[in-house]
N, C-alpha and C. Protein backbone atom coordinates (compact mmCIF):
# COMPACT_ATOMS: atom_id res chain seq x y z
N MET A 1 -19.56 24.33 -24.64
CA MET A 1 -18.57 23.84 -23.69
C MET A 1 -18.63 22.32 -23.64
N GLU A 2 -17.51 21.72 -23.83
CA GLU A 2 -17.43 20.26 -23.87
C GLU A 2 -17.20 19.70 -22.46
N THR A 3 -17.96 18.67 -22.14
CA THR A 3 -17.75 18.01 -20.85
C THR A 3 -17.32 16.58 -21.09
N THR A 4 -16.48 16.12 -20.24
CA THR A 4 -16.06 14.72 -20.33
C THR A 4 -16.42 14.03 -19.03
N GLU A 5 -16.95 12.86 -19.18
CA GLU A 5 -17.35 12.10 -18.00
C GLU A 5 -16.19 11.18 -17.60
N HIS A 6 -15.73 11.34 -16.39
CA HIS A 6 -14.64 10.51 -15.91
C HIS A 6 -15.19 9.39 -15.05
N LYS A 7 -14.79 8.19 -15.38
CA LYS A 7 -15.20 7.05 -14.57
C LYS A 7 -14.20 6.86 -13.44
N LYS A 8 -14.74 6.63 -12.27
CA LYS A 8 -13.88 6.38 -11.12
C LYS A 8 -13.33 4.96 -11.25
N ALA A 9 -12.03 4.81 -11.04
CA ALA A 9 -11.42 3.48 -11.10
C ALA A 9 -11.95 2.63 -9.96
N ILE A 10 -12.26 1.40 -10.26
CA ILE A 10 -12.73 0.44 -9.26
C ILE A 10 -11.53 0.02 -8.40
N ARG A 11 -11.76 -0.07 -7.09
CA ARG A 11 -10.72 -0.53 -6.16
C ARG A 11 -11.19 -1.84 -5.54
N ILE A 12 -10.43 -2.90 -5.77
CA ILE A 12 -10.75 -4.22 -5.22
C ILE A 12 -9.66 -4.60 -4.23
N CYS A 13 -10.05 -5.04 -3.04
CA CYS A 13 -9.05 -5.58 -2.13
C CYS A 13 -9.32 -7.06 -1.93
N VAL A 14 -8.25 -7.80 -1.94
CA VAL A 14 -8.30 -9.24 -1.68
C VAL A 14 -7.66 -9.43 -0.32
N ILE A 15 -8.39 -10.07 0.59
CA ILE A 15 -7.92 -10.29 1.94
C ILE A 15 -7.67 -11.78 2.14
N ASP A 16 -6.50 -12.10 2.70
CA ASP A 16 -6.18 -13.50 2.99
C ASP A 16 -5.20 -13.54 4.15
N GLY A 17 -5.00 -14.72 4.67
CA GLY A 17 -4.08 -14.91 5.79
C GLY A 17 -3.25 -16.14 5.58
N GLN A 18 -2.65 -16.63 6.64
CA GLN A 18 -1.79 -17.80 6.63
C GLN A 18 -0.77 -17.69 5.50
N GLY A 19 -0.79 -18.55 4.50
CA GLY A 19 0.20 -18.49 3.43
C GLY A 19 -0.19 -17.67 2.22
N GLY A 20 -1.41 -17.17 2.20
CA GLY A 20 -1.85 -16.32 1.09
C GLY A 20 -2.23 -17.06 -0.18
N GLY A 21 -2.38 -18.37 -0.11
CA GLY A 21 -2.65 -19.16 -1.31
C GLY A 21 -3.98 -18.86 -1.97
N ILE A 22 -5.02 -18.69 -1.17
CA ILE A 22 -6.33 -18.39 -1.73
C ILE A 22 -6.32 -17.01 -2.37
N GLY A 23 -5.78 -16.03 -1.66
CA GLY A 23 -5.70 -14.67 -2.20
C GLY A 23 -4.86 -14.61 -3.47
N SER A 24 -3.78 -15.35 -3.50
CA SER A 24 -2.93 -15.39 -4.70
C SER A 24 -3.68 -15.95 -5.90
N ALA A 25 -4.44 -17.02 -5.67
CA ALA A 25 -5.21 -17.62 -6.76
C ALA A 25 -6.27 -16.65 -7.27
N ILE A 26 -6.91 -15.94 -6.36
CA ILE A 26 -7.92 -14.96 -6.76
C ILE A 26 -7.29 -13.84 -7.58
N ILE A 27 -6.16 -13.31 -7.11
CA ILE A 27 -5.50 -12.20 -7.80
C ILE A 27 -5.03 -12.62 -9.19
N LYS A 28 -4.43 -13.79 -9.31
CA LYS A 28 -3.98 -14.26 -10.63
C LYS A 28 -5.14 -14.32 -11.61
N ARG A 29 -6.26 -14.85 -11.17
CA ARG A 29 -7.43 -14.98 -12.05
C ARG A 29 -8.04 -13.61 -12.36
N LEU A 30 -8.09 -12.73 -11.36
CA LEU A 30 -8.63 -11.39 -11.59
C LEU A 30 -7.80 -10.63 -12.62
N ARG A 31 -6.50 -10.75 -12.55
CA ARG A 31 -5.61 -10.05 -13.48
C ARG A 31 -5.94 -10.37 -14.92
N ASP A 32 -6.48 -11.58 -15.17
CA ASP A 32 -6.83 -12.00 -16.52
C ASP A 32 -8.07 -11.30 -17.06
N VAL A 33 -8.92 -10.79 -16.18
CA VAL A 33 -10.22 -10.30 -16.65
C VAL A 33 -10.52 -8.84 -16.33
N ILE A 34 -9.83 -8.24 -15.37
CA ILE A 34 -10.18 -6.87 -15.01
C ILE A 34 -9.51 -5.86 -15.94
N CYS A 35 -10.10 -4.69 -16.03
CA CYS A 35 -9.51 -3.65 -16.87
C CYS A 35 -8.30 -3.05 -16.16
N GLU A 36 -7.44 -2.44 -16.95
CA GLU A 36 -6.18 -1.91 -16.43
C GLU A 36 -6.35 -0.85 -15.36
N SER A 37 -7.42 -0.11 -15.44
CA SER A 37 -7.61 0.97 -14.48
C SER A 37 -8.09 0.48 -13.11
N THR A 38 -8.46 -0.79 -13.00
CA THR A 38 -8.90 -1.34 -11.72
C THR A 38 -7.70 -1.52 -10.81
N GLU A 39 -7.79 -0.97 -9.62
CA GLU A 39 -6.71 -1.10 -8.65
C GLU A 39 -6.95 -2.33 -7.80
N LEU A 40 -5.96 -3.20 -7.73
CA LEU A 40 -6.06 -4.46 -7.01
C LEU A 40 -5.12 -4.41 -5.81
N LEU A 41 -5.71 -4.44 -4.60
CA LEU A 41 -4.95 -4.32 -3.36
C LEU A 41 -4.89 -5.66 -2.63
N ALA A 42 -3.72 -6.01 -2.15
CA ALA A 42 -3.53 -7.23 -1.37
C ALA A 42 -3.46 -6.86 0.10
N LEU A 43 -4.37 -7.39 0.89
CA LEU A 43 -4.37 -7.16 2.33
C LEU A 43 -4.20 -8.49 3.03
N GLY A 44 -3.05 -8.65 3.67
CA GLY A 44 -2.78 -9.90 4.37
C GLY A 44 -2.89 -9.75 5.87
N THR A 45 -3.35 -10.78 6.53
CA THR A 45 -3.35 -10.75 7.99
C THR A 45 -1.92 -10.86 8.50
N ASN A 46 -1.01 -11.27 7.61
CA ASN A 46 0.41 -11.35 7.95
C ASN A 46 1.24 -11.02 6.71
N ALA A 47 2.53 -10.79 6.92
CA ALA A 47 3.42 -10.36 5.82
C ALA A 47 3.61 -11.43 4.75
N ILE A 48 3.59 -12.70 5.13
CA ILE A 48 3.77 -13.78 4.15
C ILE A 48 2.60 -13.78 3.17
N ALA A 49 1.39 -13.69 3.70
CA ALA A 49 0.20 -13.67 2.84
C ALA A 49 0.25 -12.48 1.89
N THR A 50 0.59 -11.32 2.40
CA THR A 50 0.67 -10.12 1.57
C THR A 50 1.72 -10.29 0.48
N SER A 51 2.88 -10.78 0.84
CA SER A 51 3.97 -10.99 -0.11
C SER A 51 3.55 -11.92 -1.25
N GLN A 52 2.88 -13.00 -0.93
CA GLN A 52 2.44 -13.94 -1.96
C GLN A 52 1.42 -13.30 -2.90
N MET A 53 0.52 -12.51 -2.33
CA MET A 53 -0.49 -11.86 -3.18
C MET A 53 0.14 -10.79 -4.07
N LEU A 54 1.16 -10.08 -3.56
CA LEU A 54 1.86 -9.10 -4.39
C LEU A 54 2.57 -9.78 -5.54
N LYS A 55 3.17 -10.93 -5.28
CA LYS A 55 3.84 -11.70 -6.34
C LYS A 55 2.85 -12.15 -7.41
N SER A 56 1.59 -12.28 -7.04
CA SER A 56 0.57 -12.74 -7.98
C SER A 56 0.01 -11.61 -8.84
N GLY A 57 0.39 -10.36 -8.54
CA GLY A 57 -0.01 -9.27 -9.42
C GLY A 57 -0.81 -8.14 -8.82
N ALA A 58 -0.91 -8.08 -7.49
CA ALA A 58 -1.60 -6.95 -6.88
C ALA A 58 -0.81 -5.67 -7.11
N ASN A 59 -1.51 -4.54 -7.22
CA ASN A 59 -0.85 -3.26 -7.40
C ASN A 59 -0.09 -2.81 -6.16
N ARG A 60 -0.75 -2.97 -5.01
CA ARG A 60 -0.14 -2.59 -3.73
C ARG A 60 -0.60 -3.58 -2.68
N GLY A 61 0.10 -3.56 -1.55
CA GLY A 61 -0.30 -4.45 -0.48
C GLY A 61 0.09 -3.91 0.88
N ALA A 62 -0.59 -4.42 1.90
CA ALA A 62 -0.29 -4.05 3.28
C ALA A 62 -0.68 -5.23 4.17
N SER A 63 -0.09 -5.25 5.36
CA SER A 63 -0.31 -6.37 6.28
C SER A 63 -0.79 -5.89 7.63
N GLY A 64 -1.58 -6.73 8.27
CA GLY A 64 -1.97 -6.50 9.65
C GLY A 64 -3.33 -5.89 9.83
N GLU A 65 -3.75 -5.90 11.10
CA GLU A 65 -5.09 -5.45 11.44
C GLU A 65 -5.35 -4.00 11.03
N ASN A 66 -4.49 -3.08 11.40
CA ASN A 66 -4.76 -1.68 11.11
C ASN A 66 -4.83 -1.41 9.61
N ALA A 67 -3.96 -2.02 8.85
CA ALA A 67 -3.98 -1.83 7.39
C ALA A 67 -5.32 -2.30 6.81
N ILE A 68 -5.80 -3.44 7.29
CA ILE A 68 -7.07 -3.97 6.79
C ILE A 68 -8.23 -3.08 7.24
N VAL A 69 -8.26 -2.73 8.52
CA VAL A 69 -9.35 -1.91 9.08
C VAL A 69 -9.46 -0.58 8.33
N GLN A 70 -8.34 0.06 8.05
CA GLN A 70 -8.37 1.37 7.38
C GLN A 70 -8.70 1.25 5.89
N THR A 71 -8.17 0.23 5.22
CA THR A 71 -8.33 0.12 3.78
C THR A 71 -9.73 -0.31 3.36
N VAL A 72 -10.37 -1.21 4.11
CA VAL A 72 -11.69 -1.70 3.69
C VAL A 72 -12.75 -0.59 3.68
N LYS A 73 -12.47 0.52 4.33
CA LYS A 73 -13.39 1.66 4.32
C LYS A 73 -13.36 2.39 2.98
N GLN A 74 -12.30 2.16 2.19
CA GLN A 74 -12.06 2.98 1.00
C GLN A 74 -12.13 2.22 -0.32
N VAL A 75 -12.56 0.96 -0.28
CA VAL A 75 -12.59 0.17 -1.51
C VAL A 75 -14.02 -0.07 -1.97
N ASP A 76 -14.15 -0.50 -3.22
CA ASP A 76 -15.47 -0.77 -3.80
C ASP A 76 -15.88 -2.23 -3.61
N ILE A 77 -14.88 -3.13 -3.64
CA ILE A 77 -15.15 -4.56 -3.57
C ILE A 77 -14.14 -5.21 -2.63
N ILE A 78 -14.63 -6.13 -1.80
CA ILE A 78 -13.77 -6.94 -0.94
C ILE A 78 -13.95 -8.40 -1.36
N VAL A 79 -12.83 -9.09 -1.56
CA VAL A 79 -12.87 -10.49 -1.95
C VAL A 79 -12.00 -11.28 -0.98
N GLY A 80 -12.47 -12.45 -0.59
CA GLY A 80 -11.67 -13.30 0.28
C GLY A 80 -12.47 -14.50 0.76
N PRO A 81 -11.86 -15.36 1.55
CA PRO A 81 -12.58 -16.49 2.12
C PRO A 81 -13.59 -16.01 3.16
N VAL A 82 -14.63 -16.77 3.39
CA VAL A 82 -15.67 -16.39 4.34
C VAL A 82 -15.09 -16.14 5.74
N GLY A 83 -13.96 -16.72 6.04
CA GLY A 83 -13.32 -16.53 7.34
C GLY A 83 -12.96 -15.10 7.67
N ILE A 84 -12.91 -14.21 6.68
CA ILE A 84 -12.55 -12.81 6.96
C ILE A 84 -13.64 -12.07 7.72
N ILE A 85 -14.83 -12.66 7.82
CA ILE A 85 -15.88 -12.04 8.64
C ILE A 85 -16.14 -12.85 9.91
N LEU A 86 -15.29 -13.84 10.18
CA LEU A 86 -15.45 -14.69 11.37
C LEU A 86 -14.30 -14.44 12.34
N THR A 87 -14.60 -13.81 13.45
CA THR A 87 -13.60 -13.50 14.46
C THR A 87 -12.86 -14.77 14.88
N HIS A 88 -11.56 -14.68 14.97
CA HIS A 88 -10.64 -15.74 15.40
C HIS A 88 -10.48 -16.87 14.39
N SER A 89 -10.97 -16.69 13.17
CA SER A 89 -10.78 -17.72 12.15
C SER A 89 -9.35 -17.66 11.60
N MET A 90 -9.04 -18.51 10.66
CA MET A 90 -7.71 -18.61 10.07
C MET A 90 -6.65 -18.79 11.16
N MET A 91 -6.93 -19.72 12.05
CA MET A 91 -6.03 -20.04 13.16
C MET A 91 -5.79 -18.82 14.05
N GLY A 92 -6.79 -17.99 14.21
CA GLY A 92 -6.71 -16.83 15.08
C GLY A 92 -6.21 -15.56 14.43
N GLU A 93 -5.89 -15.60 13.14
CA GLU A 93 -5.35 -14.42 12.47
C GLU A 93 -6.40 -13.33 12.23
N VAL A 94 -7.67 -13.71 12.16
CA VAL A 94 -8.72 -12.71 11.96
C VAL A 94 -9.16 -12.20 13.33
N THR A 95 -8.77 -10.99 13.62
CA THR A 95 -9.06 -10.37 14.91
C THR A 95 -10.50 -9.84 14.91
N PRO A 96 -11.01 -9.53 16.10
CA PRO A 96 -12.33 -8.90 16.14
C PRO A 96 -12.38 -7.61 15.32
N GLY A 97 -11.30 -6.85 15.34
CA GLY A 97 -11.25 -5.61 14.56
C GLY A 97 -11.35 -5.85 13.06
N ILE A 98 -10.68 -6.89 12.57
CA ILE A 98 -10.73 -7.21 11.14
C ILE A 98 -12.12 -7.65 10.74
N SER A 99 -12.69 -8.61 11.47
CA SER A 99 -14.00 -9.13 11.07
C SER A 99 -15.07 -8.04 11.14
N GLU A 100 -14.99 -7.17 12.13
CA GLU A 100 -15.95 -6.08 12.25
C GLU A 100 -15.78 -5.08 11.10
N ALA A 101 -14.54 -4.71 10.81
CA ALA A 101 -14.30 -3.73 9.74
C ALA A 101 -14.77 -4.25 8.39
N VAL A 102 -14.50 -5.50 8.10
CA VAL A 102 -14.94 -6.08 6.83
C VAL A 102 -16.47 -6.11 6.78
N SER A 103 -17.08 -6.58 7.87
CA SER A 103 -18.54 -6.66 7.92
C SER A 103 -19.21 -5.30 7.76
N LEU A 104 -18.65 -4.27 8.38
CA LEU A 104 -19.25 -2.94 8.34
C LEU A 104 -18.87 -2.12 7.11
N SER A 105 -17.89 -2.57 6.36
CA SER A 105 -17.47 -1.82 5.18
C SER A 105 -18.63 -1.68 4.20
N PRO A 106 -18.77 -0.49 3.60
CA PRO A 106 -19.82 -0.32 2.59
C PRO A 106 -19.51 -1.03 1.27
N ALA A 107 -18.32 -1.59 1.14
CA ALA A 107 -17.92 -2.28 -0.09
C ALA A 107 -18.78 -3.51 -0.34
N ARG A 108 -18.94 -3.84 -1.58
CA ARG A 108 -19.59 -5.10 -1.97
C ARG A 108 -18.63 -6.22 -1.62
N LYS A 109 -19.14 -7.30 -1.04
CA LYS A 109 -18.28 -8.40 -0.58
C LYS A 109 -18.57 -9.67 -1.36
N PHE A 110 -17.50 -10.30 -1.83
CA PHE A 110 -17.58 -11.59 -2.50
C PHE A 110 -16.73 -12.55 -1.69
N LEU A 111 -17.39 -13.49 -1.00
CA LEU A 111 -16.70 -14.38 -0.07
C LEU A 111 -16.70 -15.80 -0.60
N ILE A 112 -15.54 -16.44 -0.52
CA ILE A 112 -15.38 -17.82 -0.95
C ILE A 112 -15.84 -18.72 0.20
N PRO A 113 -16.80 -19.61 -0.03
CA PRO A 113 -17.35 -20.44 1.05
C PRO A 113 -16.48 -21.66 1.35
N LEU A 114 -15.46 -21.46 2.15
CA LEU A 114 -14.61 -22.59 2.55
C LEU A 114 -15.11 -23.15 3.88
N SER A 115 -15.07 -24.46 4.03
CA SER A 115 -15.62 -25.09 5.23
C SER A 115 -14.56 -25.34 6.30
N GLN A 116 -13.43 -24.67 6.25
CA GLN A 116 -12.36 -24.88 7.22
C GLN A 116 -12.67 -24.32 8.59
N GLU A 117 -13.69 -23.54 8.73
CA GLU A 117 -13.99 -22.87 9.99
C GLU A 117 -15.05 -23.59 10.80
N ASN A 118 -15.30 -24.86 10.52
CA ASN A 118 -16.35 -25.64 11.18
C ASN A 118 -17.71 -25.01 10.97
N ILE A 119 -17.87 -24.37 9.84
CA ILE A 119 -19.15 -23.78 9.46
C ILE A 119 -19.52 -24.36 8.11
N GLU A 120 -20.72 -24.86 8.03
CA GLU A 120 -21.22 -25.39 6.77
C GLU A 120 -22.21 -24.39 6.20
N ILE A 121 -21.95 -23.91 5.01
CA ILE A 121 -22.86 -22.97 4.37
C ILE A 121 -23.79 -23.79 3.50
N VAL A 122 -25.02 -23.92 3.92
CA VAL A 122 -26.00 -24.76 3.27
C VAL A 122 -26.37 -24.19 1.91
N GLY A 123 -26.48 -25.08 0.94
CA GLY A 123 -26.88 -24.66 -0.40
C GLY A 123 -25.73 -24.29 -1.31
N VAL A 124 -24.52 -24.41 -0.83
CA VAL A 124 -23.34 -24.07 -1.62
C VAL A 124 -22.72 -25.36 -2.14
N SER A 125 -22.30 -25.36 -3.39
CA SER A 125 -21.70 -26.56 -3.96
C SER A 125 -20.32 -26.80 -3.36
N SER A 126 -19.89 -28.03 -3.45
CA SER A 126 -18.57 -28.39 -2.93
C SER A 126 -17.55 -28.47 -4.08
N ALA A 127 -17.65 -27.56 -5.01
CA ALA A 127 -16.74 -27.52 -6.16
C ALA A 127 -15.33 -27.19 -5.69
N PRO A 128 -14.32 -27.61 -6.45
CA PRO A 128 -12.93 -27.26 -6.11
C PRO A 128 -12.71 -25.74 -6.14
N LEU A 129 -11.76 -25.27 -5.33
CA LEU A 129 -11.48 -23.84 -5.20
C LEU A 129 -11.30 -23.13 -6.55
N PRO A 130 -10.51 -23.67 -7.49
CA PRO A 130 -10.36 -22.95 -8.77
C PRO A 130 -11.69 -22.73 -9.49
N HIS A 131 -12.61 -23.70 -9.39
CA HIS A 131 -13.92 -23.54 -10.04
C HIS A 131 -14.75 -22.48 -9.34
N ILE A 132 -14.67 -22.44 -8.02
CA ILE A 132 -15.40 -21.43 -7.25
C ILE A 132 -14.90 -20.03 -7.60
N ILE A 133 -13.57 -19.88 -7.70
CA ILE A 133 -12.98 -18.58 -8.05
C ILE A 133 -13.44 -18.17 -9.45
N ASP A 134 -13.39 -19.10 -10.41
CA ASP A 134 -13.84 -18.79 -11.77
C ASP A 134 -15.30 -18.37 -11.79
N GLU A 135 -16.14 -19.09 -11.06
CA GLU A 135 -17.57 -18.76 -11.01
C GLU A 135 -17.79 -17.38 -10.40
N MET A 136 -17.09 -17.09 -9.32
CA MET A 136 -17.23 -15.79 -8.66
C MET A 136 -16.86 -14.66 -9.63
N ILE A 137 -15.77 -14.85 -10.34
CA ILE A 137 -15.30 -13.81 -11.26
C ILE A 137 -16.21 -13.69 -12.47
N GLU A 138 -16.51 -14.80 -13.11
CA GLU A 138 -17.32 -14.77 -14.33
C GLU A 138 -18.74 -14.27 -14.08
N GLU A 139 -19.37 -14.69 -12.98
CA GLU A 139 -20.76 -14.34 -12.75
C GLU A 139 -20.95 -13.04 -11.97
N ASN A 140 -19.90 -12.54 -11.34
CA ASN A 140 -20.07 -11.36 -10.49
C ASN A 140 -19.09 -10.25 -10.79
N LEU A 141 -17.82 -10.53 -10.61
CA LEU A 141 -16.81 -9.47 -10.68
C LEU A 141 -16.50 -8.98 -12.08
N LYS A 142 -16.50 -9.86 -13.05
CA LYS A 142 -16.09 -9.47 -14.39
C LYS A 142 -16.97 -8.34 -14.94
N ALA A 143 -18.26 -8.49 -14.85
CA ALA A 143 -19.17 -7.45 -15.36
C ALA A 143 -19.06 -6.18 -14.53
N TYR A 144 -18.94 -6.32 -13.22
CA TYR A 144 -18.87 -5.16 -12.33
C TYR A 144 -17.62 -4.33 -12.60
N THR A 145 -16.47 -4.97 -12.81
CA THR A 145 -15.23 -4.23 -13.00
C THR A 145 -15.08 -3.70 -14.41
N LYS A 146 -15.76 -4.25 -15.38
CA LYS A 146 -15.67 -3.75 -16.75
C LYS A 146 -16.46 -2.46 -16.92
N GLN A 147 -17.46 -2.26 -16.06
CA GLN A 147 -18.32 -1.08 -16.17
C GLN A 147 -17.62 0.20 -15.73
N GLY A 148 -16.74 0.10 -14.77
CA GLY A 148 -16.19 1.31 -14.17
C GLY A 148 -17.25 1.94 -13.29
N ARG A 149 -16.95 3.11 -12.74
CA ARG A 149 -17.95 3.76 -11.90
C ARG A 149 -18.03 5.22 -12.26
């Protein structure tokens, strides 16, 4: 009897707010390196952010607190700025429910260390955002998403 091993498709969600620029940049770069079976979800704190991330190549997207709270329970990887775990960050767009859900999610988290939240993350380089995104993908996500599960 022949058995075939099926790999579970990796599910990555990118969370962003305001204009969605950071999330869009992450999604564009991810599209260049992830395998086709990887599902890329855009979760915006607002509809504009979600729309921009969908235009950048996400498979699906949703907006708002409930969409984020429910979806982060079901993904393998969460990517976004560090503000997604800081209540009231992104000019108040990150609600207590969002920051708690992201923090408690069993998903692996890759957070971009932006200093816009009056928080300085010691030991992190001050490289430009595109370089940080490339480093995150090349050193962490690329190998993880190529393996499958």
